PDB file of N, CA and C in Angstrom:
ATOM      1  N   MET A   1       0.849  -1.170   0.000  1.00  0.00           N
ATOM      2  CA  MET A   1       0.000   0.000   0.000  1.00  0.00           C
ATOM      3  C   MET A   1       0.900   1.239   0.000  1.00  0.00           C
ATOM      4  N   LEU A   2       0.493   2.243  -0.730  1.00  0.00           N
ATOM      5  CA  LEU A   2       1.231   3.496  -0.792  1.00  0.00           C
ATOM      6  C   LEU A   2       0.592   4.566   0.089  1.00  0.00           C
ATOM      7  N   VAL A   3       1.447   5.386   0.675  1.00  0.00           N
ATOM      8  CA  VAL A   3       1.004   6.518   1.480  1.00  0.00           C
ATOM      9  C   VAL A   3       1.496   7.775   0.782  1.00  0.00           C
ATOM     10  N   ARG A   4       0.597   8.749   0.592  1.00  0.00           N
ATOM     11  CA  ARG A   4       0.943   9.998  -0.088  1.00  0.00           C
ATOM     12  C   ARG A   4       1.059  11.126   0.934  1.00  0.00           C
ATOM     13  N   PHE A   5       2.216  11.784   0.929  1.00  0.00           N
ATOM     14  CA  PHE A   5       2.440  12.965   1.753  1.00  0.00           C
ATOM     15  C   PHE A   5       2.362  14.172   0.842  1.00  0.00           C
ATOM     16  N   THR A   6       1.581  15.187   1.250  1.00  0.00           N
ATOM     17  CA  THR A   6       1.447  16.395   0.442  1.00  0.00           C
ATOM     18  C   THR A   6       1.659  17.631   1.302  1.00  0.00           C
ATOM     19  N   SER A   7       2.138  18.672   0.646  1.00  0.00           N
ATOM     20  CA  SER A   7       2.319  19.964   1.289  1.00  0.00           C
ATOM     21  C   SER A   7       2.296  21.024   0.198  1.00  0.00           C
ATOM     22  N   GLN A   8       1.838  22.203   0.546  1.00  0.00           N
ATOM     23  CA  GLN A   8       1.858  23.307  -0.408  1.00  0.00           C
ATOM     24  C   GLN A   8       3.286  23.787  -0.653  1.00  0.00           C
ATOM     25  N   ALA A   9       4.227  23.364   0.179  1.00  0.00           N
ATOM     26  CA  ALA A   9       5.611  23.813   0.062  1.00  0.00           C
ATOM     27  C   ALA A   9       6.462  22.922  -0.844  1.00  0.00           C
ATOM     28  N   THR A  10       6.011  21.692  -1.093  1.00  0.00           N
ATOM     29  CA  THR A  10       6.832  20.737  -1.834  1.00  0.00           C
ATOM     30  C   THR A  10       5.989  19.914  -2.794  1.00  0.00           C
ATOM     31  N   ALA A  11       6.687  19.126  -3.588  1.00  0.00           N
ATOM     32  CA  ALA A  11       6.002  18.145  -4.427  1.00  0.00           C
ATOM     33  C   ALA A  11       5.492  17.011  -3.535  1.00  0.00           C
ATOM     34  N   ASN A  12       4.559  16.226  -4.048  1.00  0.00           N
ATOM     35  CA  ASN A  12       4.046  15.083  -3.301  1.00  0.00           C
ATOM     36  C   ASN A  12       5.142  14.044  -3.111  1.00  0.00           C
ATOM     37  N   LEU A  13       5.014  13.288  -2.038  1.00  0.00           N
ATOM     38  CA  LEU A  13       5.963  12.226  -1.730  1.00  0.00           C
ATOM     39  C   LEU A  13       5.164  10.949  -1.503  1.00  0.00           C
ATOM     40  N   LEU A  14       5.523   9.893  -2.229  1.00  0.00           N
ATOM     41  CA  LEU A  14       4.882   8.587  -2.070  1.00  0.00           C
ATOM     42  C   LEU A  14       5.861   7.632  -1.425  1.00  0.00           C
ATOM     43  N   MET A  15       5.377   6.819  -0.487  1.00  0.00           N
ATOM     44  CA  MET A  15       6.225   5.781   0.096  1.00  0.00           C
ATOM     45  C   MET A  15       5.362   4.597   0.501  1.00  0.00           C
ATOM     46  N   PHE A  16       6.018   3.455   0.586  1.00  0.00           N
ATOM     47  CA  PHE A  16       5.311   2.258   1.014  1.00  0.00           C
ATOM     48  C   PHE A  16       4.910   2.386   2.475  1.00  0.00           C
ATOM     49  N   ASP A  17       3.830   1.694   2.828  1.00  0.00           N
ATOM     50  CA  ASP A  17       3.264   1.833   4.169  1.00  0.00           C
ATOM     51  C   ASP A  17       4.215   1.409   5.281  1.00  0.00           C
ATOM     52  N   ASP A  18       5.082   0.412   5.042  1.00  0.00           N
ATOM     53  CA  ASP A  18       5.988  -0.011   6.118  1.00  0.00           C
ATOM     54  C   ASP A  18       7.005   1.081   6.459  1.00  0.00           C
ATOM     55  N   VAL A  19       7.504   1.779   5.439  1.00  0.00           N
ATOM     56  CA  VAL A  19       8.446   2.877   5.667  1.00  0.00           C
ATOM     57  C   VAL A  19       7.706   4.063   6.291  1.00  0.00           C
ATOM     58  N   ALA A  20       6.528   4.389   5.761  1.00  0.00           N
ATOM     59  CA  ALA A  20       5.735   5.497   6.308  1.00  0.00           C
ATOM     60  C   ALA A  20       5.382   5.237   7.766  1.00  0.00           C
ATOM     61  N   ARG A  21       5.011   3.996   8.094  1.00  0.00           N
ATOM     62  CA  ARG A  21       4.661   3.637   9.469  1.00  0.00           C
ATOM     63  C   ARG A  21       5.846   3.886  10.398  1.00  0.00           C
ATOM     64  N   ALA A  22       7.025   3.433   9.996  1.00  0.00           N
ATOM     65  CA  ALA A  22       8.220   3.606  10.827  1.00  0.00           C
ATOM     66  C   ALA A  22       8.548   5.083  11.016  1.00  0.00           C
ATOM     67  N   LEU A  23       8.498   5.860   9.942  1.00  0.00           N
ATOM     68  CA  LEU A  23       8.838   7.287  10.038  1.00  0.00           C
ATOM     69  C   LEU A  23       7.811   8.047  10.866  1.00  0.00           C
ATOM     70  N   LEU A  24       6.537   7.737  10.690  1.00  0.00           N
ATOM     71  CA  LEU A  24       5.509   8.421  11.477  1.00  0.00           C
ATOM     72  C   LEU A  24       5.649   8.095  12.965  1.00  0.00           C
ATOM     73  N   LYS A  25       5.984   6.860  13.290  1.00  0.00           N
ATOM     74  CA  LYS A  25       6.197   6.504  14.703  1.00  0.00           C
ATOM     75  C   LYS A  25       7.375   7.278  15.276  1.00  0.00           C
ATOM     76  N   ILE A  26       8.432   7.449  14.498  1.00  0.00           N
ATOM     77  CA  ILE A  26       9.604   8.186  14.968  1.00  0.00           C
ATOM     78  C   ILE A  26       9.241   9.634  15.276  1.00  0.00           C
ATOM     79  N   VAL A  27       8.364  10.229  14.451  1.00  0.00           N
ATOM     80  CA  VAL A  27       7.988  11.632  14.678  1.00  0.00           C
ATOM     81  C   VAL A  27       6.794  11.772  15.622  1.00  0.00           C
ATOM     82  N   GLY A  28       6.341  10.647  16.188  1.00  0.00           N
ATOM     83  CA  GLY A  28       5.287  10.704  17.197  1.00  0.00           C
ATOM     84  C   GLY A  28       3.870  10.732  16.664  1.00  0.00           C
ATOM     85  N   LYS A  29       3.666  10.212  15.467  1.00  0.00           N
ATOM     86  CA  LYS A  29       2.329  10.180  14.870  1.00  0.00           C
ATOM     87  C   LYS A  29       1.842   8.745  14.727  1.00  0.00           C
ATOM     88  N   SER A  30       0.532   8.569  14.708  1.00  0.00           N
ATOM     89  CA  SER A  30      -0.062   7.250  14.506  1.00  0.00           C
ATOM     90  C   SER A  30      -0.268   7.011  13.014  1.00  0.00           C
ATOM     91  N   PRO A  31      -0.054   5.777  12.563  1.00  0.00           N
ATOM     92  CA  PRO A  31      -0.231   5.469  11.142  1.00  0.00           C
ATOM     93  C   PRO A  31      -1.710   5.286  10.775  1.00  0.00           C
ATOM     94  N   THR A  32      -2.408   6.384  10.711  1.00  0.00           N
ATOM     95  CA  THR A  32      -3.826   6.370  10.386  1.00  0.00           C
ATOM     96  C   THR A  32      -4.033   6.673   8.907  1.00  0.00           C
ATOM     97  N   GLN A  33      -5.279   6.525   8.454  1.00  0.00           N
ATOM     98  CA  GLN A  33      -5.587   6.753   7.043  1.00  0.00           C
ATOM     99  C   GLN A  33      -5.252   8.185   6.617  1.00  0.00           C
ATOM    100  N   ARG A  34      -5.531   9.142   7.491  1.00  0.00           N
ATOM    101  CA  ARG A  34      -5.222  10.544   7.201  1.00  0.00           C
ATOM    102  C   ARG A  34      -4.604  11.171   8.442  1.00  0.00           C
ATOM    103  N   GLY A  35      -3.735  12.134   8.201  1.00  0.00           N
ATOM    104  CA  GLY A  35      -3.134  12.824   9.326  1.00  0.00           C
ATOM    105  C   GLY A  35      -2.417  14.080   8.869  1.00  0.00           C
ATOM    106  N   VAL A  36      -1.922  14.828   9.850  1.00  0.00           N
ATOM    107  CA  VAL A  36      -1.249  16.091   9.554  1.00  0.00           C
ATOM    108  C   VAL A  36      -0.057  16.269  10.481  1.00  0.00           C
ATOM    109  N   ILE A  37       0.991  16.867   9.945  1.00  0.00           N
ATOM    110  CA  ILE A  37       2.131  17.306  10.747  1.00  0.00           C
ATOM    111  C   ILE A  37       2.105  18.826  10.664  1.00  0.00           C
ATOM    112  N   THR A  38       1.827  19.458  11.795  1.00  0.00           N
ATOM    113  CA  THR A  38       1.729  20.911  11.817  1.00  0.00           C
ATOM    114  C   THR A  38       3.124  21.531  11.827  1.00  0.00           C
ATOM    115  N   VAL A  39       3.174  22.822  11.535  1.00  0.00           N
ATOM    116  CA  VAL A  39       4.453  23.537  11.521  1.00  0.00           C
ATOM    117  C   VAL A  39       5.120  23.451  12.891  1.00  0.00           C
ATOM    118  N   GLU A  40       4.336  23.540  13.952  1.00  0.00           N
ATOM    119  CA  GLU A  40       4.884  23.479  15.304  1.00  0.00           C
ATOM    120  C   GLU A  40       5.492  22.112  15.615  1.00  0.00           C
ATOM    121  N   GLU A  41       5.004  21.063  14.979  1.00  0.00           N
ATOM    122  CA  GLU A  41       5.503  19.709  15.228  1.00  0.00           C
ATOM    123  C   GLU A  41       6.742  19.372  14.398  1.00  0.00           C
ATOM    124  N   MET A  42       7.084  20.223  13.439  1.00  0.00           N
ATOM    125  CA  MET A  42       8.164  19.891  12.509  1.00  0.00           C
ATOM    126  C   MET A  42       9.555  19.918  13.132  1.00  0.00           C
ATOM    127  N   ALA A  43       9.847  20.870  13.989  1.00  0.00           N
ATOM    128  CA  ALA A  43      11.184  20.931  14.602  1.00  0.00           C
ATOM    129  C   ALA A  43      11.469  19.676  15.431  1.00  0.00           C
ATOM    130  N   PRO A  44      10.545  19.274  16.331  1.00  0.00           N
ATOM    131  CA  PRO A  44      10.802  18.026  17.066  1.00  0.00           C
ATOM    132  C   PRO A  44      10.867  16.806  16.141  1.00  0.00           C
ATOM    133  N   ALA A  45      10.028  16.786  15.105  1.00  0.00           N
ATOM    134  CA  ALA A  45      10.032  15.662  14.157  1.00  0.00           C
ATOM    135  C   ALA A  45      11.388  15.563  13.466  1.00  0.00           C
ATOM    136  N   LEU A  46      11.900  16.702  13.013  1.00  0.00           N
ATOM    137  CA  LEU A  46      13.209  16.705  12.354  1.00  0.00           C
ATOM    138  C   LEU A  46      14.315  16.248  13.300  1.00  0.00           C
ATOM    139  N   SER A  47      14.280  16.700  14.539  1.00  0.00           N
ATOM    140  CA  SER A  47      15.328  16.297  15.474  1.00  0.00           C
ATOM    141  C   SER A  47      15.273  14.798  15.748  1.00  0.00           C
ATOM    142  N   HIS A  48      14.071  14.217  15.815  1.00  0.00           N
ATOM    143  CA  HIS A  48      13.944  12.770  16.014  1.00  0.00           C
ATOM    144  C   HIS A  48      14.473  12.000  14.798  1.00  0.00           C
ATOM    145  N   LEU A  49      14.165  12.481  13.597  1.00  0.00           N
ATOM    146  CA  LEU A  49      14.629  11.801  12.389  1.00  0.00           C
ATOM    147  C   LEU A  49      16.147  11.891  12.241  1.00  0.00           C
ATOM    148  N   VAL A  50      16.713  13.052  12.554  1.00  0.00           N
ATOM    149  CA  VAL A  50      18.163  13.219  12.471  1.00  0.00           C
ATOM    150  C   VAL A  50      18.847  12.322  13.512  1.00  0.00           C
ATOM    151  N   ALA A  51      18.279  12.235  14.706  1.00  0.00           N
ATOM    152  CA  ALA A  51      18.837  11.360  15.742  1.00  0.00           C
ATOM    153  C   ALA A  51      18.793   9.905  15.297  1.00  0.00           C
ATOM    154  N   MET A  52      17.706   9.489  14.662  1.00  0.00           N
ATOM    155  CA  MET A  52      17.585   8.122  14.153  1.00  0.00           C
ATOM    156  C   MET A  52      18.652   7.867  13.091  1.00  0.00           C
ATOM    157  N   ALA A  53      18.859   8.827  12.192  1.00  0.00           N
ATOM    158  CA  ALA A  53      19.859   8.672  11.134  1.00  0.00           C
ATOM    159  C   ALA A  53      21.264   8.570  11.726  1.00  0.00           C
ATOM    160  N   GLU A  54      21.561   9.383  12.724  1.00  0.00           N
ATOM    161  CA  GLU A  54      22.879   9.338  13.379  1.00  0.00           C
ATOM    162  C   GLU A  54      23.087   8.003  14.095  1.00  0.00           C
ATOM    163  N   GLN A  55      22.052   7.528  14.771  1.00  0.00           N
ATOM    164  CA  GLN A  55      22.158   6.251  15.473  1.00  0.00           C
ATOM    165  C   GLN A  55      22.406   5.118  14.482  1.00  0.00           C
ATOM    166  N   GLU A  56      21.688   5.135  13.371  1.00  0.00           N
ATOM    167  CA  GLU A  56      21.872   4.095  12.357  1.00  0.00           C
ATOM    168  C   GLU A  56      23.278   4.164  11.767  1.00  0.00           C
ATOM    169  N   LYS A  57      23.780   5.376  11.578  1.00  0.00           N
ATOM    170  CA  LYS A  57      25.131   5.561  11.040  1.00  0.00           C
ATOM    171  C   LYS A  57      26.174   4.985  11.990  1.00  0.00           C
ATOM    172  N   HIS A  58      26.032   5.271  13.284  1.00  0.00           N
ATOM    173  CA  HIS A  58      26.980   4.761  14.273  1.00  0.00           C
ATOM    174  C   HIS A  58      26.911   3.242  14.373  1.00  0.00           C
ATOM    175  N   LEU A  59      25.721   2.679  14.284  1.00  0.00           N
ATOM    176  CA  LEU A  59      25.583   1.225  14.320  1.00  0.00           C
ATOM    177  C   LEU A  59      26.256   0.586  13.111  1.00  0.00           C
ATOM    178  N   LYS A  60      26.079   1.214  11.959  1.00  0.00           N
ATOM    179  CA  LYS A  60      26.669   0.686  10.732  1.00  0.00           C
ATOM    180  C   LYS A  60      28.191   0.773  10.787  1.00  0.00           C
ATOM    181  N   GLU A  61      28.718   1.883  11.290  1.00  0.00           N
ATOM    182  CA  GLU A  61      30.165   2.046  11.400  1.00  0.00           C
ATOM    183  C   GLU A  61      30.747   1.106  12.448  1.00  0.00           C
ATOM    184  N   GLY A  62      29.968   0.788  13.454  1.00  0.00           N
ATOM    185  CA  GLY A  62      30.434  -0.069  14.540  1.00  0.00           C
ATOM    186  C   GLY A  62      30.556  -1.530  14.170  1.00  0.00           C
ATOM    187  N   SER A  63      29.876  -1.935  13.127  1.00  0.00           N
ATOM    188  CA  SER A  63      29.956  -3.345  12.745  1.00  0.00           C
ATOM    189  C   SER A  63      31.275  -3.575  12.010  1.00  0.00           C
ATOM    190  N   SER A  64      32.172  -4.301  12.667  1.00  0.00           N
ATOM    191  CA  SER A  64      33.508  -4.502  12.102  1.00  0.00           C
ATOM    192  C   SER A  64      33.531  -5.596  11.045  1.00  0.00           C
ATOM    193  N   VAL A  65      32.639  -6.549  11.171  1.00  0.00           N
ATOM    194  CA  VAL A  65      32.617  -7.640  10.208  1.00  0.00           C
ATOM    195  C   VAL A  65      31.492  -7.390   9.211  1.00  0.00           C
ATOM    196  N   LYS A  66      31.872  -7.194   7.958  1.00  0.00           N
ATOM    197  CA  LYS A  66      30.868  -7.005   6.914  1.00  0.00           C
ATOM    198  C   LYS A  66      30.671  -8.331   6.193  1.00  0.00           C
ATOM    199  N   GLU A  67      29.422  -8.644   5.974  1.00  0.00           N
ATOM    200  CA  GLU A  67      29.133  -9.882   5.257  1.00  0.00           C
ATOM    201  C   GLU A  67      29.463  -9.685   3.784  1.00  0.00           C
ATOM    202  N   THR A  68      30.107 -10.650   3.215  1.00  0.00           N
ATOM    203  CA  THR A  68      30.356 -10.604   1.782  1.00  0.00           C
ATOM    204  C   THR A  68      29.418 -11.608   1.141  1.00  0.00           C
ATOM    205  N   LEU A  69      28.596 -11.105   0.259  1.00  0.00           N
ATOM    206  CA  LEU A  69      27.629 -11.962  -0.400  1.00  0.00           C
ATOM    207  C   LEU A  69      28.226 -12.489  -1.697  1.00  0.00           C
ATOM    208  N   PRO A  70      27.958 -13.738  -2.016  1.00  0.00           N
ATOM    209  CA  PRO A  70      28.474 -14.265  -3.276  1.00  0.00           C
ATOM    210  C   PRO A  70      27.801 -13.564  -4.454  1.00  0.00           C
ATOM    211  N   VAL A  71      28.559 -13.360  -5.505  1.00  0.00           N
ATOM    212  CA  VAL A  71      28.012 -12.718  -6.704  1.00  0.00           C
ATOM    213  C   VAL A  71      27.318 -13.795  -7.526  1.00  0.00           C
ATOM    214  N   PRO A  72      25.999 -13.644  -7.733  1.00  0.00           N
ATOM    215  CA  PRO A  72      25.309 -14.647  -8.541  1.00  0.00           C
ATOM    216  C   PRO A  72      25.796 -14.598  -9.989  1.00  0.00           C
ATOM    217  N   GLU A  73      25.598 -15.666 -10.686  1.00  0.00           N
ATOM    218  CA  GLU A  73      26.086 -15.748 -12.058  1.00  0.00           C
ATOM    219  C   GLU A  73      25.183 -15.050 -13.059  1.00  0.00           C
ATOM    220  N   VAL A  74      24.170 -14.347 -12.612  1.00  0.00           N
ATOM    221  CA  VAL A  74      23.260 -13.661 -13.529  1.00  0.00           C
ATOM    222  C   VAL A  74      23.625 -12.191 -13.704  1.00  0.00           C
ATOM    223  N   GLY A  75      24.769 -11.788 -13.187  1.00  0.00           N
ATOM    224  CA  GLY A  75      25.229 -10.421 -13.388  1.00  0.00           C
ATOM    225  C   GLY A  75      24.734  -9.415 -12.368  1.00  0.00           C
ATOM    226  N   ILE A  76      24.154  -9.881 -11.267  1.00  0.00           N
ATOM    227  CA  ILE A  76      23.668  -8.974 -10.236  1.00  0.00           C
ATOM    228  C   ILE A  76      24.757  -8.802  -9.197  1.00  0.00           C
ATOM    229  N   GLU A  77      25.102  -7.561  -8.911  1.00  0.00           N
ATOM    230  CA  GLU A  77      26.126  -7.284  -7.906  1.00  0.00           C
ATOM    231  C   GLU A  77      25.516  -7.343  -6.511  1.00  0.00           C
ATOM    232  N   PRO A  78      26.278  -7.780  -5.518  1.00  0.00           N
ATOM    233  CA  PRO A  78      25.761  -7.758  -4.145  1.00  0.00           C
ATOM    234  C   PRO A  78      25.635  -6.312  -3.674  1.00  0.00           C
ATOM    235  N   HIS A  79      24.710  -6.076  -2.814  1.00  0.00           N
ATOM    236  CA  HIS A  79      24.508  -4.719  -2.297  1.00  0.00           C
ATOM    237  C   HIS A  79      24.043  -4.788  -0.849  1.00  0.00           C
ATOM    238  N   GLU A  80      24.192  -3.686  -0.188  1.00  0.00           N
ATOM    239  CA  GLU A  80      23.738  -3.609   1.194  1.00  0.00           C
ATOM    240  C   GLU A  80      22.263  -3.240   1.215  1.00  0.00           C
ATOM    241  N   LEU A  81      21.606  -3.645   2.256  1.00  0.00           N
ATOM    242  CA  LEU A  81      20.214  -3.252   2.416  1.00  0.00           C
ATOM    243  C   LEU A  81      20.136  -1.749   2.617  1.00  0.00           C
ATOM    244  N   ILE A  82      19.103  -1.150   2.109  1.00  0.00           N
ATOM    245  CA  ILE A  82      18.916   0.292   2.257  1.00  0.00           C
ATOM    246  C   ILE A  82      18.305   0.548   3.621  1.00  0.00           C
ATOM    247  N   GLY A  83      18.997   1.315   4.437  1.00  0.00           N
ATOM    248  CA  GLY A  83      18.541   1.588   5.792  1.00  0.00           C
ATOM    249  C   GLY A  83      17.423   2.611   5.831  1.00  0.00           C
ATOM    250  N   LEU A  84      16.752   2.654   6.963  1.00  0.00           N
ATOM    251  CA  LEU A  84      15.647   3.592   7.144  1.00  0.00           C
ATOM    252  C   LEU A  84      16.125   5.039   7.037  1.00  0.00           C
ATOM    253  N   SER A  85      17.360   5.309   7.488  1.00  0.00           N
ATOM    254  CA  SER A  85      17.870   6.681   7.417  1.00  0.00           C
ATOM    255  C   SER A  85      18.006   7.147   5.969  1.00  0.00           C
ATOM    256  N   VAL A  86      18.328   6.244   5.060  1.00  0.00           N
ATOM    257  CA  VAL A  86      18.411   6.597   3.634  1.00  0.00           C
ATOM    258  C   VAL A  86      17.008   6.807   3.080  1.00  0.00           C
ATOM    259  N   ARG A  87      16.103   5.923   3.431  1.00  0.00           N
ATOM    260  CA  ARG A  87      14.719   6.050   2.955  1.00  0.00           C
ATOM    261  C   ARG A  87      14.034   7.292   3.521  1.00  0.00           C
ATOM    262  N   ALA A  88      14.523   7.781   4.659  1.00  0.00           N
ATOM    263  CA  ALA A  88      13.916   8.948   5.306  1.00  0.00           C
ATOM    264  C   ALA A  88      14.341  10.273   4.661  1.00  0.00           C
ATOM    265  N   GLN A  89      15.394  10.286   3.859  1.00  0.00           N
ATOM    266  CA  GLN A  89      15.927  11.542   3.338  1.00  0.00           C
ATOM    267  C   GLN A  89      14.908  12.394   2.569  1.00  0.00           C
ATOM    268  N   PRO A  90      14.108  11.831   1.665  1.00  0.00           N
ATOM    269  CA  PRO A  90      13.103  12.673   0.994  1.00  0.00           C
ATOM    270  C   PRO A  90      12.084  13.266   1.975  1.00  0.00           C
ATOM    271  N   PHE A  91      11.723  12.483   2.997  1.00  0.00           N
ATOM    272  CA  PHE A  91      10.782  12.951   4.017  1.00  0.00           C
ATOM    273  C   PHE A  91      11.406  14.066   4.849  1.00  0.00           C
ATOM    274  N   ILE A  92      12.681  13.914   5.191  1.00  0.00           N
ATOM    275  CA  ILE A  92      13.389  14.952   5.941  1.00  0.00           C
ATOM    276  C   ILE A  92      13.447  16.242   5.127  1.00  0.00           C
ATOM    277  N   LYS A  93      13.763  16.123   3.844  1.00  0.00           N
ATOM    278  CA  LYS A  93      13.819  17.311   2.976  1.00  0.00           C
ATOM    279  C   LYS A  93      12.450  17.976   2.857  1.00  0.00           C
ATOM    280  N   MET A  94      11.401  17.159   2.790  1.00  0.00           N
ATOM    281  CA  MET A  94      10.034  17.694   2.737  1.00  0.00           C
ATOM    282  C   MET A  94       9.715  18.462   4.019  1.00  0.00           C
ATOM    283  N   LEU A  95      10.063  17.879   5.162  1.00  0.00           N
ATOM    284  CA  LEU A  95       9.830  18.548   6.447  1.00  0.00           C
ATOM    285  C   LEU A  95      10.593  19.874   6.526  1.00  0.00           C
ATOM    286  N   GLN A  96      11.842  19.873   6.095  1.00  0.00           N
ATOM    287  CA  GLN A  96      12.656  21.094   6.147  1.00  0.00           C
ATOM    288  C   GLN A  96      12.055  22.202   5.276  1.00  0.00           C
ATOM    289  N   GLN A  97      11.653  21.842   4.052  1.00  0.00           N
ATOM    290  CA  GLN A  97      11.083  22.840   3.143  1.00  0.00           C
ATOM    291  C   GLN A  97       9.738  23.345   3.664  1.00  0.00           C
ATOM    292  N   ALA A  98       8.902  22.453   4.141  1.00  0.00           N
ATOM    293  CA  ALA A  98       7.595  22.849   4.674  1.00  0.00           C
ATOM    294  C   ALA A  98       7.765  23.738   5.909  1.00  0.00           C
ATOM    295  N   GLN A  99       8.751  23.433   6.728  1.00  0.00           N
ATOM    296  CA  GLN A  99       9.010  24.255   7.910  1.00  0.00           C
ATOM    297  C   GLN A  99       9.479  25.652   7.498  1.00  0.00           C
ATOM    298  N   ARG A 100      10.368  25.721   6.499  1.00  0.00           N
ATOM    299  CA  ARG A 100      10.841  27.033   6.020  1.00  0.00           C
ATOM    300  C   ARG A 100       9.694  27.898   5.518  1.00  0.00           C
ATOM    301  N   GLU A 101       8.769  27.257   4.798  1.00  0.00           N
ATOM    302  CA  GLU A 101       7.653  27.996   4.206  1.00  0.00           C
ATOM    303  C   GLU A 101       6.423  28.049   5.118  1.00  0.00           C
ATOM    304  N   LYS A 102       6.541  27.457   6.305  1.00  0.00           N
ATOM    305  CA  LYS A 102       5.459  27.440   7.290  1.00  0.00           C
ATOM    306  C   LYS A 102       4.161  26.853   6.715  1.00  0.00           C
ATOM    307  N   LYS A 103       4.300  25.680   6.081  1.00  0.00           N
ATOM    308  CA  LYS A 103       3.162  24.949   5.518  1.00  0.00           C
ATOM    309  C   LYS A 103       3.102  23.565   6.142  1.00  0.00           C
ATOM    310  N   GLU A 104       1.916  23.111   6.483  1.00  0.00           N
ATOM    311  CA  GLU A 104       1.771  21.794   7.091  1.00  0.00           C
ATOM    312  C   GLU A 104       1.927  20.686   6.053  1.00  0.00           C
ATOM    313  N   ILE A 105       2.143  19.482   6.554  1.00  0.00           N
ATOM    314  CA  ILE A 105       2.219  18.285   5.705  1.00  0.00           C
ATOM    315  C   ILE A 105       1.047  17.388   6.070  1.00  0.00           C
ATOM    316  N   VAL A 106       0.371  16.899   5.057  1.00  0.00           N
ATOM    317  CA  VAL A 106      -0.784  16.018   5.242  1.00  0.00           C
ATOM    318  C   VAL A 106      -0.458  14.685   4.588  1.00  0.00           C
ATOM    319  N   TRP A 107      -0.875  13.587   5.209  1.00  0.00           N
ATOM    320  CA  TRP A 107      -0.712  12.294   4.556  1.00  0.00           C
ATOM    321  C   TRP A 107      -2.057  11.633   4.394  1.00  0.00           C
ATOM    322  N   GLU A 108      -2.104  10.756   3.411  1.00  0.00           N
ATOM    323  CA  GLU A 108      -3.335  10.023   3.114  1.00  0.00           C
ATOM    324  C   GLU A 108      -2.978   8.641   2.583  1.00  0.00           C
ATOM    325  N   ALA A 109      -3.707   7.643   3.079  1.00  0.00           N
ATOM    326  CA  ALA A 109      -3.543   6.261   2.645  1.00  0.00           C
ATOM    327  C   ALA A 109      -4.927   5.680   2.372  1.00  0.00           C
ATOM    328  N   PRO A 110      -5.012   4.583   1.618  1.00  0.00           N
ATOM    329  CA  PRO A 110      -6.324   3.979   1.375  1.00  0.00           C
ATOM    330  C   PRO A 110      -7.030   3.536   2.647  1.00  0.00           C
ATOM    331  N   LYS A 111      -6.254   3.202   3.686  1.00  0.00           N
ATOM    332  CA  LYS A 111      -6.830   2.781   4.965  1.00  0.00           C
ATOM    333  C   LYS A 111      -5.763   2.948   6.045  1.00  0.00           C
ATOM    334  N   ASP A 112      -6.161   2.746   7.315  1.00  0.00           N
ATOM    335  CA  ASP A 112      -5.170   2.768   8.395  1.00  0.00           C
ATOM    336  C   ASP A 112      -4.122   1.697   8.121  1.00  0.00           C
ATOM    337  N   PHE A 113      -2.885   1.945   8.537  1.00  0.00           N
ATOM    338  CA  PHE A 113      -1.826   0.971   8.290  1.00  0.00           C
ATOM    339  C   PHE A 113      -1.026   0.704   9.570  1.00  0.00           C
ATOM    340  N   PRO A 114      -1.709   0.172  10.596  1.00  0.00           N
ATOM    341  CA  PRO A 114      -1.002  -0.167  11.843  1.00  0.00           C
ATOM    342  C   PRO A 114      -0.058  -1.343  11.603  1.00  0.00           C
ATOM    343  N   ALA A 115       0.760  -1.631  12.592  1.00  0.00           N
ATOM    344  CA  ALA A 115       1.718  -2.736  12.497  1.00  0.00           C
ATOM    345  C   ALA A 115       0.977  -4.054  12.276  1.00  0.00           C
ATOM    346  N   HIS A 116       1.564  -4.902  11.463  1.00  0.00           N
ATOM    347  CA  HIS A 116       0.973  -6.218  11.204  1.00  0.00           C
ATOM    348  C   HIS A 116       1.108  -7.098  12.443  1.00  0.00           C
ATOM    349  N   LYS A 117       0.088  -7.892  12.698  1.00  0.00           N
ATOM    350  CA  LYS A 117       0.108  -8.763  13.873  1.00  0.00           C
ATOM    351  C   LYS A 117       0.553 -10.146  13.515  1.00  0.00           C
TER     352      LYS A 117
END
């Protein structure tokens, strides 16, 4: 399921519900069908997202043993999983721009997307 984030300050942002759920929880919001991040909530939201990105960076740097994946014979190169901090970058940029222009961010999904049980 896709979640659409919109703001008058930026272009629309689409993301999968699992990533949107994680980011909304980090900024203190519930993963409901519709919601809003007000201008007043943006500074704390940004600080939480930046802290998450820094923590992920330190964890990644701290791992001394990197797994080496075998290269399959179909020409696909091994790659690292994309972390949440990388996936959060467009959302962080949206928050920064919306905060500068003092415009709220609204999200909408086809339905509520709470954690799977």
